[in-house]
Protein backbone atom coordinates (compact mmCIF):
# COMPACT_ATOMS: atom_id res chain seq x y z
CA MET A 1 0.00 0.00 0.00
CA GLY A 2 1.49 3.34 -1.03
CA GLU A 3 1.36 6.57 0.87
CA SER A 4 -1.63 8.78 0.17
CA GLU A 5 -1.89 12.55 0.05
CA ASP A 6 -1.37 14.03 3.52
CA LYS A 7 -4.80 14.58 5.06
CA SER A 8 -3.55 14.71 8.63
CA GLU A 9 -5.29 16.85 11.21
CA ILE A 10 -3.31 18.64 13.90
CA ILE A 11 -4.53 20.57 16.92
CA LYS A 12 -1.97 22.49 18.98
CA LEU A 13 -2.59 23.59 22.55
CA GLU A 14 -0.30 25.80 24.58
CA VAL A 15 -0.65 25.45 28.33
CA TRP A 16 1.01 27.85 30.72
CA LYS A 17 1.85 27.13 34.35
CA LYS A 18 3.32 30.29 35.81
CA SER A 19 6.09 31.20 33.37
CA CYS A 20 6.51 27.70 31.91
CA ARG A 21 4.88 26.87 28.56
CA PHE A 22 3.93 23.33 27.56
CA LYS A 23 2.81 22.31 24.06
CA ILE A 24 0.32 19.54 23.38
CA TYR A 25 -0.28 18.29 19.83
CA ALA A 26 -3.26 16.06 19.06
CA LEU A 27 -2.92 14.35 15.67
CA TYR A 28 -5.06 12.23 13.40
CA VAL A 29 -3.26 10.57 10.50
CA PRO A 30 -5.47 8.51 8.14
CA PRO A 31 -4.49 4.92 7.30
CA GLY A 32 -1.87 4.76 4.54
CA SER A 33 -0.59 8.26 5.28
CA LYS A 34 2.72 9.20 6.83
CA PRO A 35 2.64 11.85 9.58
CA ASN A 36 4.51 15.06 8.79
CA LEU A 37 6.12 15.54 12.19
CA SER A 38 8.68 17.99 10.83
CA SER A 39 5.96 20.65 10.85
CA LEU A 40 5.68 20.36 14.66
CA SER A 41 7.82 22.40 17.02
CA ILE A 42 8.89 19.67 19.44
CA ASP A 43 11.07 20.24 22.49
CA ASN A 44 11.40 18.71 25.96
CA LYS A 45 8.10 20.30 27.08
CA THR A 46 5.99 18.84 24.27
CA ILE A 47 3.44 16.04 24.35
CA VAL A 48 2.30 14.41 21.09
CA ILE A 49 -0.85 12.26 21.25
CA GLY A 50 -3.35 10.93 18.77
CA ASP A 51 -4.42 8.28 16.31
CA MET A 52 -1.58 8.04 13.82
CA ASN A 53 -2.45 4.61 12.42
CA ALA A 54 1.18 3.69 13.07
CA HIS A 55 2.38 0.09 13.30
CA SER A 56 5.73 -0.94 14.71
CA THR A 57 7.27 -4.19 15.85
CA ARG A 58 8.39 -2.20 18.92
CA TRP A 59 4.72 -2.03 19.96
CA GLY A 60 3.87 -5.66 19.23
CA TYR A 61 2.73 -5.42 15.59
CA GLY A 62 3.97 -7.95 13.06
CA ASP A 63 5.29 -5.20 10.78
CA THR A 64 6.40 -1.56 10.78
CA ASN A 65 4.65 0.82 8.38
CA ALA A 66 5.81 4.27 7.20
CA ALA A 67 3.85 6.01 9.97
CA GLY A 68 5.38 3.68 12.58
CA LYS A 69 8.90 4.41 11.33
CA GLU A 70 8.22 8.16 11.51
CA ILE A 71 7.02 7.86 15.12
CA GLU A 72 9.98 5.65 16.07
CA ASP A 73 12.34 8.34 14.76
CA LEU A 74 10.65 11.02 16.85
């Protein structure tokens, strides 16, 4: 199965606690698509959650798909 056009959905929340900012990204990546994580501004105060339709042998799947590889490299 090839990769389809990117139809991912991303919601970004910024949460402040006193002077400290945290970023939360909620993603939906349709099956057969590869998440474009390079568009996210990720640092040590970032949480990424969502349904990315990612498979990886690291998580018990029998195979690793393109989305799974992208998440592994995060």
